Amino acid sequence: MATQTPERAATIRKPYPNYRVIVLNDDFNTFEHVAQCLMKYIPQMTETLAWELTHRVHYEGLAIVWEGPLEQAELYHAQLKRANLTMAPLEPA
């Protein structure tokens, strides 16, 4: 007869943490460029949401444009940075 050890019975699985992709305001990117980059690189980004986030970046200084698993967050962060957007470091959600 097999018995469970206390260590085995106490195993708790935790999900991987999500990370935030944050765009910062700057003095050189246009509204159009920021919105176009968001639509190009962030999956399921609508034009309406891209413009809303662009306005948030401008008027509030930053916007969280995507949140999810680290690997995808790293990809979107790198793509937006290569497009010359000003990016905050990735941060856990």
N, C-alpha and C. Protein backbone atom coordinates (compact mmCIF):
# COMPACT_ATOMS: atom_id res chain seq x y z
N MET A 1 0.84 -1.17 0.00
CA MET A 1 0.00 0.00 0.00
C MET A 1 0.89 1.24 0.00
N ALA A 2 0.65 2.15 -0.92
CA ALA A 2 1.45 3.37 -1.03
C ALA A 2 0.88 4.45 -0.12
N THR A 3 1.77 5.16 0.51
CA THR A 3 1.34 6.27 1.36
C THR A 3 2.00 7.55 0.87
N GLN A 4 1.31 8.64 1.06
CA GLN A 4 1.87 9.93 0.65
C GLN A 4 2.70 10.50 1.79
N THR A 5 3.84 11.03 1.43
CA THR A 5 4.65 11.72 2.43
C THR A 5 4.09 13.12 2.61
N PRO A 6 4.31 13.74 3.75
CA PRO A 6 3.81 15.10 3.97
C PRO A 6 4.30 16.09 2.90
N GLU A 7 5.56 15.92 2.44
CA GLU A 7 6.10 16.83 1.42
C GLU A 7 5.31 16.71 0.11
N ARG A 8 4.96 15.51 -0.23
CA ARG A 8 4.25 15.27 -1.50
C ARG A 8 2.81 15.81 -1.41
N ALA A 9 2.18 15.62 -0.29
CA ALA A 9 0.80 16.08 -0.12
C ALA A 9 0.73 17.60 -0.08
N ALA A 10 1.81 18.26 0.31
CA ALA A 10 1.79 19.71 0.47
C ALA A 10 2.25 20.46 -0.78
N THR A 11 2.48 19.76 -1.88
CA THR A 11 2.93 20.42 -3.09
C THR A 11 1.86 21.37 -3.60
N ILE A 12 2.25 22.61 -3.74
CA ILE A 12 1.33 23.64 -4.25
C ILE A 12 1.92 24.21 -5.52
N ARG A 13 1.14 24.20 -6.55
CA ARG A 13 1.60 24.76 -7.82
C ARG A 13 1.20 26.22 -7.90
N LYS A 14 2.17 27.07 -8.25
CA LYS A 14 1.90 28.50 -8.37
C LYS A 14 2.06 28.88 -9.84
N PRO A 15 1.20 29.73 -10.34
CA PRO A 15 1.34 30.16 -11.73
C PRO A 15 2.54 31.11 -11.86
N TYR A 16 3.10 31.17 -13.06
CA TYR A 16 4.16 32.13 -13.32
C TYR A 16 3.57 33.53 -13.19
N PRO A 17 4.36 34.48 -12.70
CA PRO A 17 3.83 35.84 -12.56
C PRO A 17 3.69 36.51 -13.92
N ASN A 18 2.78 37.45 -14.01
CA ASN A 18 2.64 38.26 -15.21
C ASN A 18 3.54 39.48 -15.09
N TYR A 19 3.87 40.06 -16.24
CA TYR A 19 4.71 41.25 -16.30
C TYR A 19 4.00 42.33 -17.09
N ARG A 20 4.32 43.58 -16.76
CA ARG A 20 3.70 44.73 -17.42
C ARG A 20 4.67 45.35 -18.41
N VAL A 21 4.15 45.66 -19.59
CA VAL A 21 4.89 46.42 -20.60
C VAL A 21 4.38 47.85 -20.51
N ILE A 22 5.28 48.78 -20.19
CA ILE A 22 4.90 50.16 -19.92
C ILE A 22 5.62 51.11 -20.87
N VAL A 23 4.84 51.95 -21.55
CA VAL A 23 5.39 52.98 -22.43
C VAL A 23 5.41 54.29 -21.66
N LEU A 24 6.54 55.01 -21.75
CA LEU A 24 6.71 56.29 -21.08
C LEU A 24 6.58 57.45 -22.05
N ASN A 25 6.16 58.59 -21.54
CA ASN A 25 6.08 59.79 -22.35
C ASN A 25 7.49 60.28 -22.67
N ASP A 26 7.64 60.91 -23.82
CA ASP A 26 8.91 61.53 -24.21
C ASP A 26 8.61 62.75 -25.06
N ASP A 27 9.64 63.46 -25.46
CA ASP A 27 9.47 64.70 -26.23
C ASP A 27 9.69 64.53 -27.72
N PHE A 28 9.87 63.30 -28.20
CA PHE A 28 10.19 63.16 -29.61
C PHE A 28 9.29 62.23 -30.40
N ASN A 29 8.56 61.31 -29.78
CA ASN A 29 7.65 60.44 -30.53
C ASN A 29 6.29 61.13 -30.70
N THR A 30 5.76 61.03 -31.91
CA THR A 30 4.46 61.63 -32.17
C THR A 30 3.34 60.70 -31.69
N PHE A 31 2.17 61.27 -31.51
CA PHE A 31 1.00 60.46 -31.14
C PHE A 31 0.80 59.36 -32.19
N GLU A 32 0.88 59.75 -33.45
CA GLU A 32 0.66 58.81 -34.55
C GLU A 32 1.63 57.63 -34.47
N HIS A 33 2.91 57.92 -34.23
CA HIS A 33 3.92 56.86 -34.17
C HIS A 33 3.64 55.90 -33.01
N VAL A 34 3.33 56.45 -31.85
CA VAL A 34 3.06 55.60 -30.68
C VAL A 34 1.85 54.71 -30.95
N ALA A 35 0.77 55.28 -31.43
CA ALA A 35 -0.44 54.51 -31.71
C ALA A 35 -0.18 53.42 -32.76
N GLN A 36 0.54 53.78 -33.82
CA GLN A 36 0.84 52.80 -34.88
C GLN A 36 1.69 51.65 -34.34
N CYS A 37 2.67 51.95 -33.51
CA CYS A 37 3.51 50.90 -32.92
C CYS A 37 2.69 49.97 -32.03
N LEU A 38 1.81 50.54 -31.23
CA LEU A 38 0.98 49.69 -30.37
C LEU A 38 0.13 48.75 -31.21
N MET A 39 -0.46 49.27 -32.29
CA MET A 39 -1.30 48.41 -33.15
C MET A 39 -0.47 47.36 -33.87
N LYS A 40 0.77 47.70 -34.21
CA LYS A 40 1.63 46.78 -34.96
C LYS A 40 2.16 45.65 -34.07
N TYR A 41 2.55 45.96 -32.84
CA TYR A 41 3.28 44.98 -32.03
C TYR A 41 2.49 44.32 -30.91
N ILE A 42 1.40 44.91 -30.46
CA ILE A 42 0.64 44.33 -29.36
C ILE A 42 -0.56 43.57 -29.93
N PRO A 43 -0.65 42.26 -29.68
CA PRO A 43 -1.75 41.46 -30.24
C PRO A 43 -3.12 41.96 -29.81
N GLN A 44 -4.06 41.89 -30.70
CA GLN A 44 -5.45 42.29 -30.49
C GLN A 44 -5.61 43.77 -30.08
N MET A 45 -4.61 44.59 -30.37
CA MET A 45 -4.71 46.02 -30.06
C MET A 45 -5.61 46.68 -31.10
N THR A 46 -6.67 47.30 -30.63
CA THR A 46 -7.57 48.00 -31.54
C THR A 46 -7.08 49.43 -31.72
N GLU A 47 -7.55 50.06 -32.77
CA GLU A 47 -7.17 51.45 -33.01
C GLU A 47 -7.67 52.35 -31.88
N THR A 48 -8.88 52.10 -31.43
CA THR A 48 -9.46 52.90 -30.34
C THR A 48 -8.63 52.78 -29.07
N LEU A 49 -8.26 51.56 -28.69
CA LEU A 49 -7.47 51.37 -27.49
C LEU A 49 -6.06 51.94 -27.65
N ALA A 50 -5.47 51.78 -28.84
CA ALA A 50 -4.13 52.32 -29.08
C ALA A 50 -4.12 53.84 -28.87
N TRP A 51 -5.14 54.52 -29.38
CA TRP A 51 -5.20 55.98 -29.21
C TRP A 51 -5.48 56.36 -27.76
N GLU A 52 -6.31 55.58 -27.08
CA GLU A 52 -6.58 55.84 -25.66
C GLU A 52 -5.29 55.71 -24.84
N LEU A 53 -4.52 54.65 -25.11
CA LEU A 53 -3.26 54.44 -24.40
C LEU A 53 -2.24 55.51 -24.75
N THR A 54 -2.21 55.93 -26.00
CA THR A 54 -1.30 57.00 -26.44
C THR A 54 -1.60 58.29 -25.69
N HIS A 55 -2.86 58.62 -25.56
CA HIS A 55 -3.24 59.83 -24.81
C HIS A 55 -2.87 59.68 -23.33
N ARG A 56 -3.03 58.47 -22.78
CA ARG A 56 -2.66 58.24 -21.39
C ARG A 56 -1.14 58.43 -21.20
N VAL A 57 -0.35 57.91 -22.15
CA VAL A 57 1.10 58.10 -22.10
C VAL A 57 1.42 59.59 -22.05
N HIS A 58 0.79 60.35 -22.93
CA HIS A 58 1.08 61.79 -23.02
C HIS A 58 0.64 62.56 -21.78
N TYR A 59 -0.58 62.34 -21.35
CA TYR A 59 -1.15 63.15 -20.28
C TYR A 59 -0.84 62.65 -18.87
N GLU A 60 -0.60 61.34 -18.71
CA GLU A 60 -0.31 60.79 -17.38
C GLU A 60 1.16 60.40 -17.22
N GLY A 61 1.92 60.44 -18.32
CA GLY A 61 3.34 60.13 -18.25
C GLY A 61 3.71 58.70 -18.56
N LEU A 62 2.73 57.80 -18.53
CA LEU A 62 2.98 56.40 -18.85
C LEU A 62 1.66 55.67 -19.04
N ALA A 63 1.76 54.50 -19.66
CA ALA A 63 0.59 53.62 -19.79
C ALA A 63 1.06 52.18 -19.83
N ILE A 64 0.32 51.33 -19.13
CA ILE A 64 0.55 49.88 -19.22
C ILE A 64 -0.15 49.44 -20.50
N VAL A 65 0.63 48.98 -21.48
CA VAL A 65 0.04 48.65 -22.78
C VAL A 65 -0.20 47.16 -22.97
N TRP A 66 0.40 46.34 -22.09
CA TRP A 66 0.18 44.89 -22.16
C TRP A 66 0.61 44.29 -20.84
N GLU A 67 -0.05 43.20 -20.47
CA GLU A 67 0.31 42.46 -19.25
C GLU A 67 0.14 40.98 -19.52
N GLY A 68 1.16 40.20 -19.16
CA GLY A 68 1.08 38.77 -19.38
C GLY A 68 2.40 38.09 -19.07
N PRO A 69 2.58 36.86 -19.58
CA PRO A 69 3.77 36.06 -19.28
C PRO A 69 5.07 36.77 -19.70
N LEU A 70 6.14 36.48 -18.96
CA LEU A 70 7.43 37.15 -19.15
C LEU A 70 7.95 37.05 -20.58
N GLU A 71 7.92 35.87 -21.16
CA GLU A 71 8.51 35.70 -22.49
C GLU A 71 7.85 36.61 -23.52
N GLN A 72 6.53 36.67 -23.51
CA GLN A 72 5.82 37.55 -24.43
C GLN A 72 6.08 39.01 -24.09
N ALA A 73 6.09 39.33 -22.80
CA ALA A 73 6.35 40.71 -22.37
C ALA A 73 7.72 41.17 -22.87
N GLU A 74 8.71 40.29 -22.78
CA GLU A 74 10.05 40.63 -23.27
C GLU A 74 10.04 40.92 -24.77
N LEU A 75 9.29 40.12 -25.51
CA LEU A 75 9.21 40.33 -26.96
C LEU A 75 8.56 41.67 -27.29
N TYR A 76 7.40 41.96 -26.72
CA TYR A 76 6.70 43.21 -27.02
C TYR A 76 7.51 44.42 -26.56
N HIS A 77 8.15 44.30 -25.41
CA HIS A 77 8.99 45.37 -24.89
C HIS A 77 10.13 45.66 -25.87
N ALA A 78 10.80 44.61 -26.32
CA ALA A 78 11.93 44.78 -27.26
C ALA A 78 11.47 45.38 -28.59
N GLN A 79 10.33 44.93 -29.09
CA GLN A 79 9.83 45.45 -30.36
C GLN A 79 9.49 46.93 -30.25
N LEU A 80 8.83 47.31 -29.18
CA LEU A 80 8.47 48.72 -29.00
C LEU A 80 9.72 49.57 -28.79
N LYS A 81 10.68 49.05 -28.08
CA LYS A 81 11.94 49.78 -27.86
C LYS A 81 12.70 49.97 -29.17
N ARG A 82 12.73 48.92 -30.00
CA ARG A 82 13.39 49.02 -31.32
C ARG A 82 12.70 50.04 -32.20
N ALA A 83 11.41 50.27 -31.96
CA ALA A 83 10.66 51.28 -32.73
C ALA A 83 10.84 52.67 -32.12
N ASN A 84 11.79 52.79 -31.20
CA ASN A 84 12.17 54.05 -30.56
C ASN A 84 11.17 54.60 -29.56
N LEU A 85 10.26 53.76 -29.06
CA LEU A 85 9.40 54.24 -27.98
C LEU A 85 10.22 54.21 -26.70
N THR A 86 9.90 55.09 -25.78
CA THR A 86 10.58 55.15 -24.49
C THR A 86 9.88 54.17 -23.55
N MET A 87 10.64 53.19 -23.08
CA MET A 87 10.05 52.09 -22.32
C MET A 87 10.54 52.09 -20.89
N ALA A 88 9.63 51.78 -19.95
CA ALA A 88 10.03 51.50 -18.57
C ALA A 88 10.54 50.07 -18.54
N PRO A 89 11.37 49.73 -17.55
CA PRO A 89 11.77 48.32 -17.41
C PRO A 89 10.53 47.45 -17.16
N LEU A 90 10.61 46.20 -17.59
CA LEU A 90 9.51 45.28 -17.30
C LEU A 90 9.34 45.18 -15.79
N GLU A 91 8.09 45.11 -15.36
CA GLU A 91 7.86 44.97 -13.92
C GLU A 91 6.80 43.91 -13.68
N PRO A 92 6.96 43.17 -12.58
CA PRO A 92 5.95 42.16 -12.25
C PRO A 92 4.60 42.81 -11.99
N ALA A 93 3.56 42.13 -12.39
CA ALA A 93 2.20 42.66 -12.19
C ALA A 93 1.78 42.50 -10.75
